[in-house]
Protein backbone atom coordinates (compact mmCIF):
# COMPACT_ATOMS: atom_id res chain seq x y z
CA UNK A 1 0.90 3.58 -28.86
CA UNK A 2 -0.17 -0.08 -29.04
CA UNK A 3 2.82 -1.01 -31.17
CA UNK A 4 5.12 0.83 -28.80
CA UNK A 5 3.54 -1.00 -25.84
CA UNK A 6 3.92 -4.37 -27.53
CA UNK A 7 7.55 -3.57 -28.38
CA UNK A 8 8.18 -2.63 -24.76
CA UNK A 9 6.62 -5.91 -23.55
CA UNK A 10 8.79 -7.90 -25.92
CA UNK A 11 11.83 -5.95 -24.76
CA UNK A 12 11.04 -6.73 -21.12
CA UNK A 13 10.54 -10.44 -21.88
CA UNK A 14 13.78 -10.54 -23.88
CA UNK A 15 15.64 -8.79 -21.06
CA UNK A 16 14.34 -11.34 -18.52
CA UNK A 17 15.25 -14.22 -20.83
CA UNK A 18 18.79 -12.91 -21.27
CA UNK A 19 19.13 -12.44 -17.51
CA UNK A 20 18.01 -16.05 -16.94
CA UNK A 21 20.47 -17.32 -19.54
CA UNK A 22 23.24 -15.37 -17.84
CA UNK A 23 22.32 -16.87 -14.46
CA UNK A 24 22.18 -20.34 -15.98
CA UNK A 25 25.70 -19.88 -17.29
CA UNK A 26 26.83 -18.77 -13.83
CA UNK A 27 25.13 -21.85 -12.38
CA UNK A 28 23.21 -19.90 -9.71
CA UNK A 29 19.41 -19.83 -9.93
CA UNK A 30 16.56 -18.47 -7.87
CA UNK A 31 13.83 -20.95 -6.94
CA UNK A 32 11.30 -19.36 -9.29
CA UNK A 33 13.79 -19.52 -12.17
CA UNK A 34 14.58 -23.15 -11.42
CA UNK A 35 10.89 -24.08 -11.39
CA UNK A 36 10.13 -22.30 -14.67
CA UNK A 37 13.25 -23.04 -16.71
CA UNK A 38 13.09 -25.41 -19.66
CA UNK A 39 16.77 -26.23 -19.31
CA UNK A 40 17.41 -29.66 -17.78
CA UNK A 41 20.36 -31.83 -16.88
CA UNK A 42 22.29 -28.68 -16.07
CA UNK A 43 24.47 -28.04 -13.04
CA UNK A 44 23.02 -25.35 -10.77
CA UNK A 45 23.38 -23.83 -7.33
CA UNK A 46 20.28 -22.76 -5.36
CA UNK A 47 20.16 -20.93 -2.04
CA UNK A 48 17.19 -20.55 0.28
CA UNK A 49 15.45 -21.67 3.44
CA UNK A 50 14.23 -25.16 4.22
CA UNK A 51 10.45 -25.55 4.21
CA UNK A 52 10.40 -29.29 4.91
CA UNK A 53 12.70 -32.29 5.36
CA UNK A 54 11.58 -35.88 4.73
CA UNK A 55 14.19 -38.53 5.32
CA UNK A 56 13.66 -42.08 4.09
CA UNK A 57 15.93 -45.08 4.14
CA UNK A 58 17.29 -44.60 0.63
CA UNK A 59 16.42 -41.01 -0.22
CA UNK A 60 16.24 -37.57 1.39
CA UNK A 61 13.68 -34.98 0.26
CA UNK A 62 14.20 -31.30 1.09
CA UNK A 63 11.90 -28.46 -0.01
CA UNK A 64 13.58 -25.06 -0.23
CA UNK A 65 12.23 -21.62 -0.92
CA UNK A 66 13.84 -18.21 -1.34
CA UNK A 67 10.76 -15.99 -1.42
CA UNK A 68 10.57 -15.75 -5.22
CA UNK A 69 7.77 -18.30 -5.53
CA UNK A 70 4.94 -19.71 -3.43
CA UNK A 71 5.96 -23.15 -4.66
CA UNK A 72 9.13 -24.63 -3.19
CA UNK A 73 11.81 -26.50 -5.12
CA UNK A 74 12.14 -30.15 -4.22
CA UNK A 75 15.67 -31.37 -3.63
CA UNK A 76 16.33 -35.11 -3.89
CA UNK A 77 19.49 -36.29 -2.17
CA UNK A 78 21.36 -39.23 -0.74
CA UNK A 79 20.58 -39.46 3.01
CA UNK A 80 24.32 -39.18 3.65
CA UNK A 81 24.10 -35.50 2.60
CA UNK A 82 21.75 -34.77 5.49
CA UNK A 83 22.80 -33.53 8.91
CA UNK A 84 21.17 -32.67 12.21
CA UNK A 85 21.43 -28.98 11.27
CA UNK A 86 19.30 -29.57 8.17
CA UNK A 87 15.97 -28.61 9.73
CA UNK A 88 12.87 -26.56 8.99
CA UNK A 89 13.87 -22.89 8.83
CA UNK A 90 17.61 -23.41 8.27
CA UNK A 91 19.30 -21.63 5.37
CA UNK A 92 21.08 -23.80 2.81
CA UNK A 93 23.05 -23.81 -0.40
CA UNK A 94 22.41 -26.80 -2.65
CA UNK A 95 24.51 -27.77 -5.64
CA UNK A 96 23.41 -30.40 -8.07
CA UNK A 97 21.70 -31.18 -11.35
CA UNK A 98 18.31 -29.84 -12.38
CA UNK A 99 16.32 -32.70 -13.93
CA UNK A 100 12.78 -33.45 -15.06
CA UNK A 101 10.59 -34.59 -12.20
CA UNK A 102 8.40 -37.67 -12.33
CA UNK A 103 6.02 -36.06 -9.83
CA UNK A 104 2.83 -34.60 -11.38
CA UNK A 105 2.85 -31.44 -9.24
CA UNK A 106 6.26 -30.20 -10.37
CA UNK A 107 8.17 -29.95 -13.61
CA UNK A 108 11.68 -30.21 -12.25
CA UNK A 109 13.59 -31.27 -9.17
CA UNK A 110 17.15 -30.77 -8.02
CA UNK A 111 19.29 -33.87 -7.63
CA UNK A 112 21.70 -32.74 -4.95
CA UNK A 113 25.42 -33.43 -5.05
CA UNK A 114 26.16 -31.23 -2.05
CA UNK A 115 24.03 -29.60 0.66
CA UNK A 116 25.64 -26.93 2.81
CA UNK A 117 23.80 -25.57 5.86
CA UNK A 118 24.64 -21.87 6.03
CA UNK A 119 22.54 -20.97 9.04
CA UNK A 120 21.09 -23.58 11.43
CA UNK A 121 17.61 -23.09 12.89
CA UNK A 122 16.42 -24.54 16.17
CA UNK A 123 13.07 -25.76 14.94
CA UNK A 124 11.84 -26.36 18.50
CA UNK A 125 12.44 -22.73 19.50
CA UNK A 126 11.40 -21.25 16.12
CA UNK A 127 7.90 -19.74 16.67
CA UNK A 128 6.53 -20.95 13.33
CA UNK A 129 6.07 -24.69 13.02
CA UNK A 130 6.16 -27.00 10.03
CA UNK A 131 2.73 -27.71 8.51
CA UNK A 132 0.92 -25.46 11.01
CA UNK A 133 -1.23 -22.59 9.80
CA UNK A 134 -0.50 -19.60 12.01
CA UNK A 135 -3.12 -16.89 12.41
CA UNK A 136 -2.38 -13.23 11.71
CA UNK A 137 -2.74 -12.30 15.40
CA UNK A 138 -0.05 -14.83 16.33
CA UNK A 139 2.28 -13.87 13.49
CA UNK A 140 2.03 -10.21 14.50
CA UNK A 141 3.77 -11.06 17.78
CA UNK A 142 6.97 -11.76 15.81
CA UNK A 143 7.52 -8.78 13.48
CA UNK A 144 11.13 -9.84 12.91
CA UNK A 145 10.11 -13.31 11.72
CA UNK A 146 6.62 -13.15 10.21
CA UNK A 147 8.02 -12.49 6.71
CA UNK A 148 8.92 -16.22 6.78
CA UNK A 149 5.22 -17.18 6.67
CA UNK A 150 3.53 -17.81 3.32
CA UNK A 151 0.78 -15.23 3.82
CA UNK A 152 3.04 -12.37 4.87
CA UNK A 153 5.64 -13.21 2.25
CA UNK A 154 2.89 -13.01 -0.37
CA UNK A 155 1.66 -9.73 1.11
CA UNK A 156 5.11 -8.18 0.80
CA UNK A 157 5.40 -9.25 -2.85
CA UNK A 158 1.95 -7.83 -3.59
CA UNK A 159 2.88 -4.61 -1.81
CA UNK A 160 6.04 -4.36 -3.91
CA UNK A 161 4.16 -4.91 -7.19
CA UNK A 162 1.44 -2.44 -6.15
CA UNK A 163 4.10 0.19 -5.48
CA UNK A 164 5.64 -0.38 -8.92
CA UNK A 165 2.19 -0.24 -10.55
CA UNK A 166 1.39 3.10 -8.87
CA UNK A 167 4.62 4.63 -10.13
CA UNK A 168 3.98 3.15 -13.57
CA UNK A 169 0.46 4.61 -13.71
CA UNK A 170 1.60 8.13 -12.89
CA UNK A 171 4.69 8.06 -15.10
CA UNK A 172 2.73 6.68 -18.05
CA UNK A 173 0.26 9.54 -17.65
CA UNK A 174 2.86 12.30 -17.56
CA UNK A 175 3.13 13.00 -13.82
CA UNK A 176 6.36 14.23 -12.23
CA UNK A 177 7.36 12.44 -9.04
CA UNK A 178 8.16 14.80 -6.16
CA UNK A 179 9.99 13.88 -2.95
CA UNK A 180 7.99 15.80 -0.37
CA UNK A 181 9.60 16.27 3.08
CA UNK A 182 8.96 14.03 6.06
CA UNK A 183 9.76 16.88 8.47
CA UNK A 184 7.54 19.94 8.09
CA UNK A 185 6.37 23.05 9.92
CA UNK A 186 2.85 22.70 8.48
CA UNK A 187 -0.25 20.90 9.73
CA UNK A 188 -1.94 20.16 6.41
CA UNK A 189 -5.08 18.58 7.85
CA UNK A 190 -5.48 21.08 10.68
CA UNK A 191 -6.45 18.29 13.06
CA UNK A 192 -3.58 18.80 15.47
CA UNK A 193 -2.74 15.08 15.58
CA UNK A 194 0.97 15.65 15.06
CA UNK A 195 4.24 14.10 16.17
CA UNK A 196 6.62 16.90 17.10
CA UNK A 197 10.28 16.49 16.18
CA UNK A 198 12.76 17.37 18.90
CA UNK A 199 16.43 16.71 19.56
CA UNK A 200 16.87 13.72 21.86
CA UNK A 201 19.33 15.57 24.12
CA UNK A 202 17.65 17.13 27.15
CA UNK A 203 20.35 19.75 27.73
CA UNK A 204 19.57 23.20 26.36
CA UNK A 205 21.86 26.17 26.36
CA UNK A 206 20.37 29.23 28.11
CA UNK A 207 19.22 31.96 25.74
CA UNK A 208 19.16 29.73 22.66
CA UNK A 209 16.12 28.89 20.63
CA UNK A 210 14.84 25.55 21.96
CA UNK A 211 13.84 24.40 18.47
CA UNK A 212 16.44 22.72 16.25
CA UNK A 213 14.87 24.35 13.16
CA UNK A 214 14.13 27.61 15.03
CA UNK A 215 10.41 26.81 14.62
CA UNK A 216 8.29 23.88 15.83
CA UNK A 217 8.70 20.97 13.42
CA UNK A 218 6.54 17.90 12.94
CA UNK A 219 6.37 14.61 11.08
CA UNK A 220 4.22 15.15 8.01
CA UNK A 221 0.54 14.23 7.93
CA UNK A 222 0.38 14.86 4.17
CA UNK A 223 2.57 15.96 1.28
CA UNK A 224 -0.30 17.91 -0.31
CA UNK A 225 0.80 21.47 0.46
CA UNK A 226 4.28 20.79 -0.88
CA UNK A 227 2.76 19.22 -3.98
CA UNK A 228 0.72 22.40 -4.47
CA UNK A 229 3.99 24.33 -4.56
CA UNK A 230 5.23 22.07 -7.37
CA UNK A 231 1.89 22.31 -9.18
CA UNK A 232 2.88 25.90 -9.91
CA UNK A 233 5.62 24.61 -12.22
CA UNK A 234 4.29 21.25 -13.44
CA UNK A 235 0.75 20.46 -14.55
CA UNK A 236 0.71 17.00 -12.91
CA UNK A 237 2.72 15.89 -9.87
CA UNK A 238 2.55 13.04 -7.36
CA UNK A 239 4.26 11.75 -4.26
CA UNK A 240 4.26 8.43 -2.44
CA UNK A 241 5.72 8.16 1.03
CA UNK A 242 5.22 7.76 4.78
CA UNK A 243 2.85 9.98 6.71
CA UNK A 244 2.17 10.16 10.44
CA UNK A 245 -0.85 10.72 12.66
CA UNK A 246 -0.69 10.84 16.47
CA UNK A 247 -4.13 9.28 16.87
CA UNK A 248 -4.55 7.32 20.08
CA UNK A 249 -6.32 4.53 18.23
CA UNK A 250 -5.76 0.80 17.92
CA UNK A 251 -8.63 0.21 15.50
CA UNK A 252 -8.44 -2.13 12.52
CA UNK A 253 -8.04 0.76 10.07
CA UNK A 254 -5.68 3.19 11.82
CA UNK A 255 -1.89 3.36 12.08
CA UNK A 256 0.45 6.01 13.46
CA UNK A 257 2.72 5.57 10.41
CA UNK A 258 1.31 4.69 7.02
CA UNK A 259 1.93 5.36 3.34
CA UNK A 260 0.03 7.85 1.22
CA UNK A 261 -0.28 8.20 -2.54
CA UNK A 262 -1.00 11.84 -3.36
CA UNK A 263 -1.46 13.68 -6.65
CA UNK A 264 -2.03 17.26 -7.71
CA UNK A 265 -3.45 18.36 -11.08
CA UNK A 266 -3.24 21.91 -12.43
CA UNK A 267 -5.65 23.61 -14.82
CA UNK A 268 -8.74 21.74 -13.68
CA UNK A 269 -12.00 23.20 -12.39
CA UNK A 270 -13.89 19.93 -12.18
CA UNK A 271 -14.17 17.35 -9.43
CA UNK A 272 -14.99 14.92 -12.23
CA UNK A 273 -11.40 15.21 -13.50
CA UNK A 274 -10.08 14.33 -10.04
CA UNK A 275 -12.52 11.44 -9.62
CA UNK A 276 -11.59 9.97 -12.98
CA UNK A 277 -7.93 9.79 -11.97
CA UNK A 278 -8.92 8.21 -8.64
CA UNK A 279 -10.99 5.51 -10.34
CA UNK A 280 -8.42 4.83 -13.07
CA UNK A 281 -5.63 4.51 -10.51
CA UNK A 282 -7.70 2.12 -8.37
CA UNK A 283 -8.54 -0.15 -11.30
CA UNK A 284 -5.25 -0.10 -13.19
CA UNK A 285 -3.16 -0.87 -10.11
CA UNK A 286 -5.57 -3.67 -9.17
CA UNK A 287 -5.27 -5.13 -12.67
CA UNK A 288 -1.47 -5.08 -12.42
CA UNK A 289 -1.55 -6.84 -9.04
CA UNK A 290 -3.94 -9.52 -10.30
CA UNK A 291 -1.77 -10.07 -13.38
CA UNK A 292 1.67 -10.16 -11.74
CA UNK A 293 0.83 -11.70 -8.36
CA UNK A 294 -1.86 -14.18 -9.32
CA UNK A 295 -0.79 -16.95 -6.95
CA UNK A 296 -0.18 -14.61 -4.04
CA UNK A 297 -3.57 -12.91 -4.44
CA UNK A 298 -5.26 -16.33 -4.73
CA UNK A 299 -3.74 -17.30 -1.38
CA UNK A 300 -5.51 -14.37 0.28
CA UNK A 301 -8.79 -14.86 -1.56
CA UNK A 302 -8.81 -18.56 -0.69
CA UNK A 303 -7.51 -18.73 2.87
CA UNK A 304 -7.64 -15.22 4.37
CA UNK A 305 -10.82 -13.77 2.82
CA UNK A 306 -12.88 -16.49 1.11
CA UNK A 307 -15.38 -14.97 -1.32
CA UNK A 308 -13.50 -11.68 -1.65
CA UNK A 309 -12.50 -12.40 -5.25
CA UNK A 310 -16.10 -12.00 -6.42
CA UNK A 311 -16.44 -8.77 -4.40
CA UNK A 312 -13.29 -7.37 -6.01
CA UNK A 313 -14.41 -8.37 -9.51
CA UNK A 314 -17.71 -6.60 -8.84
CA UNK A 315 -15.86 -3.41 -7.89
CA UNK A 316 -13.57 -3.51 -10.90
CA UNK A 317 -16.16 -4.16 -13.60
CA UNK A 318 -18.61 -1.44 -12.51
CA UNK A 319 -18.40 2.31 -12.92
CA UNK A 320 -18.06 3.94 -9.50
CA UNK A 321 -21.19 5.63 -8.15
CA UNK A 322 -21.37 9.40 -7.52
CA UNK A 323 -23.69 11.04 -4.98
CA UNK A 324 -23.63 14.38 -3.20
CA UNK A 325 -23.20 14.66 0.55
CA UNK A 326 -26.76 15.99 0.77
CA UNK A 327 -28.07 12.95 -1.12
CA UNK A 328 -26.05 10.68 1.18
CA UNK A 329 -27.64 12.25 4.27
CA UNK A 330 -31.11 11.71 2.81
CA UNK A 331 -30.30 8.05 2.06
CA UNK A 332 -29.10 7.58 5.64
CA UNK A 333 -32.17 9.26 7.11
CA UNK A 334 -34.43 6.89 5.18
CA UNK A 335 -32.39 3.81 6.10
CA UNK A 336 -34.21 1.07 8.01
CA UNK A 337 -31.17 0.69 10.26
CA UNK A 338 -30.72 2.47 13.59
CA UNK A 339 -27.33 4.20 13.68
CA UNK A 340 -25.29 4.92 16.79
CA UNK A 341 -24.75 8.43 15.39
CA UNK A 342 -27.85 10.08 13.99
CA UNK A 343 -27.20 11.34 10.43
CA UNK A 344 -27.80 15.07 10.18
CA UNK A 345 -26.70 17.58 7.55
CA UNK A 346 -23.46 19.18 8.71
CA UNK A 347 -22.21 16.15 10.63
CA UNK A 348 -19.22 14.11 9.49
CA UNK A 349 -19.94 10.65 8.12
CA UNK A 350 -19.05 7.88 10.59
CA UNK A 351 -17.82 4.40 9.71
CA UNK A 352 -21.35 2.98 10.11
CA UNK A 353 -22.68 5.60 7.67
CA UNK A 354 -19.96 4.88 5.12
CA UNK A 355 -20.62 1.16 5.36
CA UNK A 356 -24.35 1.61 4.78
CA UNK A 357 -23.85 3.97 1.81
CA UNK A 358 -21.62 1.43 0.05
CA UNK A 359 -24.16 -1.31 0.75
CA UNK A 360 -26.93 0.96 -0.59
CA UNK A 361 -24.92 1.34 -3.82
CA UNK A 362 -24.76 -2.46 -4.34
CA UNK A 363 -21.25 -2.70 -2.86
CA UNK A 364 -19.79 -0.59 -5.64
CA UNK A 365 -17.31 2.11 -4.55
CA UNK A 366 -19.10 5.44 -4.20
CA UNK A 367 -17.84 9.01 -4.53
CA UNK A 368 -19.47 11.38 -2.03
CA UNK A 369 -19.03 14.98 -3.21
CA UNK A 370 -19.69 18.56 -2.09
CA UNK A 371 -19.29 18.39 1.67
CA UNK A 372 -20.36 21.10 4.14
CA UNK A 373 -17.99 24.05 4.24
CA UNK A 374 -17.11 23.61 7.91
CA UNK A 375 -16.22 19.90 7.59
CA UNK A 376 -13.27 20.31 5.26
CA UNK A 377 -9.84 22.01 5.62
CA UNK A 378 -9.15 25.64 4.74
CA UNK A 379 -7.80 24.84 1.27
CA UNK A 380 -11.05 23.30 -0.08
CA UNK A 381 -12.67 25.43 -2.81
CA UNK A 382 -15.83 27.25 -1.78
CA UNK A 383 -18.81 26.29 -3.97
CA UNK A 384 -20.50 29.59 -3.03
CA UNK A 385 -23.84 27.84 -2.92
CA UNK A 386 -26.78 28.06 -0.58
CA UNK A 387 -28.64 27.78 1.58
CA UNK A 388 -26.42 24.83 2.52
CA UNK A 389 -22.84 26.07 2.17
CA UNK A 390 -20.53 23.44 0.59
CA UNK A 391 -17.02 23.01 -0.79
CA UNK A 392 -15.76 21.04 -3.80
CA UNK A 393 -14.56 18.00 -1.88
CA UNK A 394 -14.82 14.28 -2.56
CA UNK A 395 -14.29 11.08 -0.56
CA UNK A 396 -14.27 7.61 -2.13
CA UNK A 397 -15.96 4.99 0.04
CA UNK A 398 -15.23 1.32 -0.64
CA UNK A 399 -16.65 -1.96 0.71
CA UNK A 400 -15.21 -3.19 3.98
CA UNK A 401 -13.01 -0.13 4.50
CA UNK A 402 -15.03 3.05 4.25
CA UNK A 403 -13.04 6.11 3.20
CA UNK A 404 -10.14 5.21 0.90
CA UNK A 405 -9.48 8.48 -0.96
CA UNK A 406 -9.99 12.08 -0.01
CA UNK A 407 -9.70 14.97 -2.44
CA UNK A 408 -10.71 18.55 -3.17
CA UNK A 409 -10.48 21.29 -5.68
CA UNK A 410 -8.14 23.79 -4.03
CA UNK A 411 -9.19 27.38 -3.31
CA UNK A 412 -7.15 29.31 -5.88
CA UNK A 413 -8.94 32.67 -5.39
CA UNK A 414 -6.66 34.70 -3.16
CA UNK A 415 -9.34 36.83 -1.49
CA UNK A 416 -11.47 33.79 -0.63
CA UNK A 417 -8.50 31.90 0.82
CA UNK A 418 -7.26 34.93 2.75
CA UNK A 419 -10.69 35.49 4.26
CA UNK A 420 -10.85 31.91 5.53
CA UNK A 421 -7.31 31.93 6.91
CA UNK A 422 -8.11 35.18 8.73
CA UNK A 423 -11.15 33.60 10.38
CA UNK A 424 -9.08 30.59 11.45
CA UNK A 425 -6.17 32.75 12.68
CA UNK A 426 -3.76 31.03 10.26
CA UNK A 427 -2.79 33.88 7.92
CA UNK A 428 0.71 34.38 9.33
CA UNK A 429 1.52 30.66 9.24
CA UNK A 430 0.35 30.30 5.65
CA UNK A 431 1.52 33.53 4.04
CA UNK A 432 3.64 31.47 1.66
CA UNK A 433 0.48 29.57 0.66
CA UNK A 434 -1.23 32.87 -0.14
CA UNK A 435 1.82 33.86 -2.21
CA UNK A 436 1.14 30.91 -4.50
CA UNK A 437 -2.22 32.53 -5.33
CA UNK A 438 -0.57 35.87 -6.15
CA UNK A 439 2.09 34.65 -8.57
CA UNK A 440 0.52 32.83 -11.52
CA UNK A 441 -2.09 30.74 -9.73
CA UNK A 442 -4.25 28.30 -11.67
CA UNK A 443 -7.38 26.28 -10.87
CA UNK A 444 -6.14 22.97 -9.46
CA UNK A 445 -7.06 20.03 -7.29
CA UNK A 446 -5.81 16.74 -5.97
CA UNK A 447 -6.30 13.75 -3.73
CA UNK A 448 -4.66 11.33 -1.32
CA UNK A 449 -5.08 7.56 -1.03
CA UNK A 450 -4.11 5.45 1.96
CA UNK A 451 -1.91 2.71 0.53
CA UNK A 452 -2.51 0.21 3.34
CA UNK A 453 -6.28 0.66 3.13
CA UNK A 454 -6.04 0.07 -0.61
CA UNK A 455 -4.27 -3.24 -0.02
CA UNK A 456 -6.94 -4.18 2.52
CA UNK A 457 -9.60 -3.46 -0.08
CA UNK A 458 -7.94 -5.52 -2.82
CA UNK A 459 -7.04 -8.51 -0.66
CA UNK A 460 -9.91 -8.54 1.84
CA UNK A 461 -7.60 -8.20 4.86
CA UNK A 462 -9.55 -7.04 7.89
CA UNK A 463 -6.67 -5.71 10.01
CA UNK A 464 -4.55 -2.84 8.66
CA UNK A 465 -1.60 -3.96 10.81
CA UNK A 466 -1.31 -7.03 8.56
CA UNK A 467 -0.60 -5.14 5.32
CA UNK A 468 2.46 -3.15 6.42
CA UNK A 469 5.89 -4.63 7.24
CA UNK A 470 6.36 -2.96 10.63
CA UNK A 471 3.12 -1.52 12.04
CA UNK A 472 3.34 1.48 14.36
CA UNK A 473 0.33 2.36 16.47
CA UNK A 474 -0.38 3.76 19.93
CA UNK A 475 1.52 1.90 22.66
CA UNK A 476 3.43 -0.22 20.11
CA UNK A 477 6.67 0.43 18.23
CA UNK A 478 8.34 -3.00 17.97
CA UNK A 479 11.81 -3.03 16.37
């Protein structure tokens, strides 16, 4: 396996090298390629956006960036090549010769022979100003432009690499990727916080079913139930896509639209199996982000969340803690702190409880397992214990965020599941779910992870609206 991995790495590096050579021959380079290339005195063409313009009597300096690197490429030109349209924020195409730079902070610079302004930018009207550091609250007011800022540009690159790393983790471990539907007739969580899908037209023909799909349809809150269908044919499946919750909340950790990573594993009767996948996924994706986005992550750990690097290292180097729900309640009862919500067995854990439990565990992520039967959805496997009745469920609590993952073993015993659905009055709606237990069922379980909360945890970002390109929340749907 190691040899195969090394061969694959060499193949990737060779592929990138060949691609760069091809682009060099074409004469068109990205900024990152220009900054890292060893080739000099070669004619190139670079396109991007102006980050700064400094005009002197005998020389014109222009820094351009195209989003591929935090560092900009310095263009050195004759002042005659400048124009009044060459301003901060304008898009340009520069042709010239890539040469070794005499400046200590850069290896190369582009000696311009021609500068063409493709798209002028009124720097006075542009909401982001040269050499000003704009706060996240301000940048959020301009969702169509905030990708031009360093911090949000870095966030988007990190998000992209994290997505690739998640797919890589699952594919390397034999999971099949499933496209679960966005429109569904199920309420997986049973919380009722659903967006209903209806045809925009208000006119309805008399006597016709008012529902486009003949049944009420909703935006999905989870792909889990559809993954369970596929877990009857594949031993390991996952999905990664948008989910929706109609929560009337504008808190720092809630969105109406967010992305979920969900996995389902067949032939397992142990929460430990599920927790191991959760922990491995957390750590391996984090390692990939730190490796491939080093400069971008450093920007966050230096300017956005100073000191968070040490907190993240602490999480990654330690084995995650495991405690039962009952143990957690006892810890909370003995806590010297006074909570707004008194911790009692049978009550859901609030944010203040989650925060204290993580602190109690030395700020190491903690798995809380075996929750009360009545706290978890109908599909959670009954532990058949007593006197305190619990189900095989697990939540992963992490510093600064609280709940990051939620998972359960699924109730595969048909009579147990049918009994619970009967009590909840859901048997007719979930007859197909019962069918899965009658035709070759297996012990299985799975989990879901909020992708935006994961990014918050890795980067130390306090506000969830700052880790998604276009945040949707109550009373706000810009663009």
